[in-house]
Amino acid sequence: MAIKITDDCINCGACEPECPNGAIFAGGDEWRFSYKTSLSGTFVSKSGLEADADSPQEAVSADLYYIVTDKCTECVGFHEEPQCASVCPVDCCLPDEDHVESKEELTEKMHSLHP
């Protein structure tokens, strides 16, 4: 299951540098598949989004920090627990019940982001 940032976010930014996949961005900021990954060229995400890894993608949230589901692996392959949740001072990094994935699926996603 991916992690989401709830409306309780205070925009402190503590979570962003902790993400090994570069899945966390400030509200309004565009994101890229290549950010903090080894991706280049055309990439097709688990959700089916096809994009050039270096092309900017539209921000998911205009106001609050957000997590790109296609890049979130809950830190599988890097840490024992999601680092965003462990550093969040207001506990707003929570499991995203709309994007449930097994540990095997998260491991596969991690390997696709870091081939």
N, C-alpha and C. Protein backbone atom coordinates (compact mmCIF):
# COMPACT_ATOMS: atom_id res chain seq x y z
N MET A 1 0.85 -1.17 0.00
CA MET A 1 0.00 0.00 0.00
C MET A 1 0.90 1.23 0.00
N ALA A 2 0.61 2.16 -0.85
CA ALA A 2 1.35 3.41 -0.86
C ALA A 2 0.98 4.24 0.37
N ILE A 3 1.74 5.27 0.58
CA ILE A 3 1.48 6.20 1.68
C ILE A 3 0.87 7.46 1.08
N LYS A 4 0.01 8.11 1.83
CA LYS A 4 -0.56 9.39 1.41
C LYS A 4 -0.31 10.41 2.50
N ILE A 5 -0.36 11.66 2.13
CA ILE A 5 -0.24 12.76 3.08
C ILE A 5 -1.63 13.37 3.23
N THR A 6 -2.11 13.43 4.45
CA THR A 6 -3.47 13.93 4.70
C THR A 6 -3.51 15.45 4.79
N ASP A 7 -4.71 15.97 4.89
CA ASP A 7 -4.92 17.42 5.01
C ASP A 7 -4.39 17.98 6.32
N ASP A 8 -3.95 17.12 7.24
CA ASP A 8 -3.37 17.59 8.49
C ASP A 8 -1.93 18.08 8.31
N CYS A 9 -1.39 17.93 7.10
CA CYS A 9 -0.01 18.34 6.81
C CYS A 9 0.19 19.83 7.14
N ILE A 10 1.31 20.13 7.79
CA ILE A 10 1.63 21.51 8.14
C ILE A 10 2.70 22.08 7.21
N ASN A 11 3.03 21.35 6.13
CA ASN A 11 4.00 21.79 5.13
C ASN A 11 5.38 22.06 5.72
N CYS A 12 5.78 21.23 6.68
CA CYS A 12 7.10 21.43 7.30
C CYS A 12 8.24 20.93 6.41
N GLY A 13 7.94 19.97 5.51
CA GLY A 13 8.95 19.47 4.60
C GLY A 13 9.87 18.40 5.15
N ALA A 14 9.64 17.94 6.37
CA ALA A 14 10.51 16.94 6.98
C ALA A 14 10.54 15.63 6.19
N CYS A 15 9.44 15.30 5.56
CA CYS A 15 9.32 14.02 4.86
C CYS A 15 10.08 13.97 3.54
N GLU A 16 10.11 15.06 2.80
CA GLU A 16 10.63 15.06 1.43
C GLU A 16 12.05 14.50 1.30
N PRO A 17 13.02 14.95 2.08
CA PRO A 17 14.38 14.43 1.89
C PRO A 17 14.55 12.98 2.35
N GLU A 18 13.60 12.46 3.11
CA GLU A 18 13.70 11.09 3.63
C GLU A 18 13.31 10.03 2.61
N CYS A 19 12.59 10.40 1.57
CA CYS A 19 12.07 9.43 0.60
C CYS A 19 13.16 8.94 -0.35
N PRO A 20 13.50 7.65 -0.30
CA PRO A 20 14.56 7.13 -1.17
C PRO A 20 14.17 7.05 -2.64
N ASN A 21 12.88 7.15 -2.94
CA ASN A 21 12.41 7.09 -4.32
C ASN A 21 12.09 8.45 -4.91
N GLY A 22 12.20 9.50 -4.12
CA GLY A 22 11.85 10.82 -4.61
C GLY A 22 10.38 10.92 -4.95
N ALA A 23 9.53 10.36 -4.10
CA ALA A 23 8.09 10.34 -4.36
C ALA A 23 7.34 11.49 -3.69
N ILE A 24 8.03 12.31 -2.90
CA ILE A 24 7.36 13.37 -2.13
C ILE A 24 7.76 14.73 -2.68
N PHE A 25 6.74 15.56 -2.90
CA PHE A 25 6.97 16.88 -3.47
C PHE A 25 6.13 17.93 -2.75
N ALA A 26 6.59 19.17 -2.77
CA ALA A 26 5.85 20.28 -2.18
C ALA A 26 4.64 20.59 -3.04
N GLY A 27 3.58 21.03 -2.41
CA GLY A 27 2.37 21.39 -3.13
C GLY A 27 2.66 22.35 -4.27
N GLY A 28 2.11 22.06 -5.42
CA GLY A 28 2.30 22.90 -6.59
C GLY A 28 3.52 22.56 -7.43
N ASP A 29 4.46 21.82 -6.87
CA ASP A 29 5.67 21.45 -7.61
C ASP A 29 5.40 20.30 -8.56
N GLU A 30 5.91 20.42 -9.78
CA GLU A 30 5.85 19.31 -10.73
C GLU A 30 6.78 18.21 -10.26
N TRP A 31 6.55 16.98 -10.73
CA TRP A 31 7.39 15.86 -10.34
C TRP A 31 7.89 15.13 -11.58
N ARG A 32 8.94 14.32 -11.38
CA ARG A 32 9.53 13.55 -12.47
C ARG A 32 9.83 12.13 -11.98
N PHE A 33 9.67 11.15 -12.86
CA PHE A 33 10.04 9.78 -12.52
C PHE A 33 11.55 9.69 -12.27
N SER A 34 12.34 10.49 -12.95
CA SER A 34 13.80 10.40 -12.84
C SER A 34 14.34 10.93 -11.51
N TYR A 35 13.57 11.78 -10.82
CA TYR A 35 14.05 12.38 -9.58
C TYR A 35 14.33 11.29 -8.54
N LYS A 36 15.58 11.20 -8.08
CA LYS A 36 16.06 10.25 -7.08
C LYS A 36 15.94 8.78 -7.52
N THR A 37 15.84 8.55 -8.82
CA THR A 37 15.85 7.18 -9.34
C THR A 37 16.90 7.11 -10.43
N SER A 38 17.10 5.93 -11.00
CA SER A 38 18.05 5.77 -12.10
C SER A 38 17.32 5.68 -13.44
N LEU A 39 16.09 6.16 -13.50
CA LEU A 39 15.29 6.07 -14.71
C LEU A 39 15.69 7.11 -15.74
N SER A 40 15.59 6.70 -17.01
CA SER A 40 15.77 7.62 -18.13
C SER A 40 14.96 7.07 -19.29
N GLY A 41 14.69 7.91 -20.25
CA GLY A 41 13.89 7.49 -21.40
C GLY A 41 12.44 7.27 -21.02
N THR A 42 11.74 6.51 -21.85
CA THR A 42 10.33 6.25 -21.62
C THR A 42 10.16 5.23 -20.49
N PHE A 43 9.25 5.55 -19.58
CA PHE A 43 8.96 4.67 -18.45
C PHE A 43 7.45 4.47 -18.38
N VAL A 44 7.03 3.24 -18.11
CA VAL A 44 5.62 2.93 -17.91
C VAL A 44 5.46 2.48 -16.47
N SER A 45 4.69 3.23 -15.71
CA SER A 45 4.49 2.93 -14.29
C SER A 45 3.50 1.80 -14.10
N LYS A 46 3.41 1.32 -12.87
CA LYS A 46 2.48 0.25 -12.52
C LYS A 46 1.04 0.64 -12.86
N SER A 47 0.71 1.91 -12.72
CA SER A 47 -0.66 2.36 -13.02
C SER A 47 -0.91 2.52 -14.51
N GLY A 48 0.15 2.38 -15.31
CA GLY A 48 0.01 2.50 -16.76
C GLY A 48 0.39 3.85 -17.31
N LEU A 49 0.79 4.78 -16.45
CA LEU A 49 1.22 6.09 -16.92
C LEU A 49 2.52 5.93 -17.68
N GLU A 50 2.53 6.36 -18.94
CA GLU A 50 3.73 6.31 -19.77
C GLU A 50 4.25 7.73 -19.96
N ALA A 51 5.53 7.93 -19.64
CA ALA A 51 6.10 9.27 -19.73
C ALA A 51 7.60 9.17 -19.89
N ASP A 52 8.18 10.22 -20.44
CA ASP A 52 9.62 10.33 -20.43
C ASP A 52 10.02 10.58 -18.98
N ALA A 53 10.98 9.84 -18.49
CA ALA A 53 11.35 9.92 -17.07
C ALA A 53 11.76 11.32 -16.65
N ASP A 54 12.30 12.10 -17.58
CA ASP A 54 12.74 13.45 -17.24
C ASP A 54 11.68 14.52 -17.47
N SER A 55 10.54 14.15 -18.03
CA SER A 55 9.48 15.13 -18.31
C SER A 55 8.72 15.47 -17.04
N PRO A 56 8.48 16.76 -16.84
CA PRO A 56 7.70 17.16 -15.65
C PRO A 56 6.26 16.70 -15.75
N GLN A 57 5.74 16.22 -14.62
CA GLN A 57 4.35 15.78 -14.51
C GLN A 57 3.61 16.78 -13.62
N GLU A 58 2.33 16.89 -13.84
CA GLU A 58 1.50 17.84 -13.10
C GLU A 58 1.48 17.52 -11.60
N ALA A 59 1.52 18.55 -10.79
CA ALA A 59 1.46 18.39 -9.34
C ALA A 59 0.16 17.69 -8.94
N VAL A 60 0.26 16.82 -7.95
CA VAL A 60 -0.91 16.09 -7.45
C VAL A 60 -1.72 16.97 -6.51
N SER A 61 -1.05 17.87 -5.82
CA SER A 61 -1.70 18.79 -4.89
C SER A 61 -1.15 20.19 -5.12
N ALA A 62 -2.00 21.17 -5.03
CA ALA A 62 -1.57 22.55 -5.22
C ALA A 62 -1.06 23.18 -3.93
N ASP A 63 -1.55 22.71 -2.79
CA ASP A 63 -1.29 23.40 -1.53
C ASP A 63 -0.42 22.64 -0.54
N LEU A 64 -0.52 21.33 -0.51
CA LEU A 64 0.17 20.54 0.51
C LEU A 64 1.20 19.61 -0.12
N TYR A 65 2.17 19.20 0.69
CA TYR A 65 3.09 18.17 0.24
C TYR A 65 2.26 16.96 -0.20
N TYR A 66 2.77 16.24 -1.19
CA TYR A 66 2.04 15.08 -1.69
C TYR A 66 3.01 13.96 -2.05
N ILE A 67 2.48 12.74 -2.13
CA ILE A 67 3.26 11.57 -2.49
C ILE A 67 2.74 11.04 -3.82
N VAL A 68 3.66 10.81 -4.76
CA VAL A 68 3.32 10.24 -6.05
C VAL A 68 3.18 8.72 -5.86
N THR A 69 1.97 8.22 -5.99
CA THR A 69 1.69 6.81 -5.76
C THR A 69 2.56 5.91 -6.63
N ASP A 70 2.77 6.29 -7.88
CA ASP A 70 3.57 5.48 -8.80
C ASP A 70 5.04 5.39 -8.40
N LYS A 71 5.48 6.21 -7.45
CA LYS A 71 6.87 6.15 -7.00
C LYS A 71 7.01 5.65 -5.56
N CYS A 72 5.92 5.58 -4.82
CA CYS A 72 5.98 5.19 -3.41
C CYS A 72 6.06 3.67 -3.26
N THR A 73 7.08 3.22 -2.54
CA THR A 73 7.24 1.79 -2.25
C THR A 73 7.20 1.54 -0.74
N GLU A 74 6.72 2.51 0.02
CA GLU A 74 6.72 2.41 1.48
C GLU A 74 8.12 2.13 2.02
N CYS A 75 9.12 2.54 1.26
CA CYS A 75 10.54 2.36 1.60
C CYS A 75 10.99 0.90 1.54
N VAL A 76 10.16 0.01 0.98
CA VAL A 76 10.56 -1.39 0.80
C VAL A 76 11.84 -1.42 -0.04
N GLY A 77 12.79 -2.21 0.42
CA GLY A 77 14.08 -2.30 -0.26
C GLY A 77 15.11 -1.33 0.26
N PHE A 78 14.67 -0.40 1.12
CA PHE A 78 15.56 0.61 1.68
C PHE A 78 15.54 0.63 3.20
N HIS A 79 14.33 0.62 3.78
CA HIS A 79 14.16 0.75 5.22
C HIS A 79 13.08 -0.21 5.71
N GLU A 80 13.05 -0.43 7.00
CA GLU A 80 12.06 -1.33 7.60
C GLU A 80 10.67 -0.73 7.68
N GLU A 81 10.58 0.61 7.64
CA GLU A 81 9.29 1.29 7.73
C GLU A 81 9.33 2.54 6.87
N PRO A 82 8.18 3.05 6.46
CA PRO A 82 8.14 4.28 5.68
C PRO A 82 8.78 5.44 6.45
N GLN A 83 9.81 6.02 5.87
CA GLN A 83 10.54 7.07 6.55
C GLN A 83 9.74 8.36 6.68
N CYS A 84 8.86 8.63 5.71
CA CYS A 84 8.04 9.84 5.81
C CYS A 84 7.18 9.80 7.07
N ALA A 85 6.58 8.64 7.33
CA ALA A 85 5.73 8.48 8.51
C ALA A 85 6.55 8.57 9.79
N SER A 86 7.78 8.07 9.76
CA SER A 86 8.58 8.06 10.98
C SER A 86 9.08 9.45 11.36
N VAL A 87 9.20 10.38 10.40
CA VAL A 87 9.69 11.72 10.73
C VAL A 87 8.59 12.77 10.80
N CYS A 88 7.38 12.44 10.40
CA CYS A 88 6.30 13.42 10.37
C CYS A 88 5.91 13.85 11.79
N PRO A 89 5.99 15.16 12.07
CA PRO A 89 5.67 15.62 13.42
C PRO A 89 4.18 15.63 13.74
N VAL A 90 3.32 15.53 12.72
CA VAL A 90 1.88 15.57 12.97
C VAL A 90 1.19 14.28 12.52
N ASP A 91 1.96 13.25 12.25
CA ASP A 91 1.42 11.93 11.87
C ASP A 91 0.41 12.00 10.73
N CYS A 92 0.75 12.73 9.66
CA CYS A 92 -0.18 12.83 8.52
C CYS A 92 0.23 11.96 7.34
N CYS A 93 1.31 11.19 7.46
CA CYS A 93 1.71 10.24 6.42
C CYS A 93 1.14 8.88 6.79
N LEU A 94 0.06 8.51 6.11
CA LEU A 94 -0.70 7.32 6.48
C LEU A 94 -0.85 6.38 5.29
N PRO A 95 -1.13 5.10 5.54
CA PRO A 95 -1.38 4.17 4.43
C PRO A 95 -2.54 4.65 3.56
N ASP A 96 -2.36 4.54 2.26
CA ASP A 96 -3.38 4.96 1.30
C ASP A 96 -4.25 3.75 0.95
N GLU A 97 -5.42 3.68 1.55
CA GLU A 97 -6.31 2.54 1.36
C GLU A 97 -6.80 2.40 -0.07
N ASP A 98 -6.63 3.43 -0.89
CA ASP A 98 -7.02 3.36 -2.30
C ASP A 98 -5.93 2.74 -3.18
N HIS A 99 -4.75 2.52 -2.60
CA HIS A 99 -3.63 1.96 -3.36
C HIS A 99 -2.93 0.88 -2.54
N VAL A 100 -3.60 -0.23 -2.38
CA VAL A 100 -3.09 -1.34 -1.58
C VAL A 100 -2.18 -2.21 -2.45
N GLU A 101 -0.97 -2.48 -1.94
CA GLU A 101 0.00 -3.31 -2.65
C GLU A 101 0.67 -4.26 -1.66
N SER A 102 0.97 -5.45 -2.11
CA SER A 102 1.67 -6.42 -1.27
C SER A 102 3.15 -6.05 -1.20
N LYS A 103 3.86 -6.66 -0.27
CA LYS A 103 5.31 -6.42 -0.16
C LYS A 103 5.99 -6.83 -1.46
N GLU A 104 5.53 -7.90 -2.09
CA GLU A 104 6.11 -8.35 -3.36
C GLU A 104 5.89 -7.29 -4.45
N GLU A 105 4.69 -6.72 -4.51
CA GLU A 105 4.41 -5.68 -5.50
C GLU A 105 5.25 -4.43 -5.24
N LEU A 106 5.41 -4.07 -3.97
CA LEU A 106 6.24 -2.91 -3.63
C LEU A 106 7.70 -3.17 -3.99
N THR A 107 8.16 -4.39 -3.78
CA THR A 107 9.53 -4.75 -4.15
C THR A 107 9.72 -4.66 -5.67
N GLU A 108 8.75 -5.16 -6.41
CA GLU A 108 8.78 -5.05 -7.88
C GLU A 108 8.82 -3.59 -8.31
N LYS A 109 7.99 -2.77 -7.68
CA LYS A 109 7.97 -1.34 -8.03
C LYS A 109 9.32 -0.71 -7.73
N MET A 110 9.91 -1.04 -6.58
CA MET A 110 11.22 -0.50 -6.22
C MET A 110 12.26 -0.88 -7.29
N HIS A 111 12.24 -2.13 -7.75
CA HIS A 111 13.21 -2.56 -8.78
C HIS A 111 12.93 -1.89 -10.12
N SER A 112 11.68 -1.56 -10.40
CA SER A 112 11.39 -0.86 -11.66
C SER A 112 11.89 0.59 -11.62
N LEU A 113 11.90 1.18 -10.43
CA LEU A 113 12.39 2.56 -10.28
C LEU A 113 13.91 2.63 -10.20
N HIS A 114 14.52 1.53 -9.80
CA HIS A 114 15.98 1.47 -9.61
C HIS A 114 16.52 0.22 -10.31
N PRO A 115 16.40 0.18 -11.67
CA PRO A 115 16.83 -1.03 -12.39
C PRO A 115 18.34 -1.28 -12.30
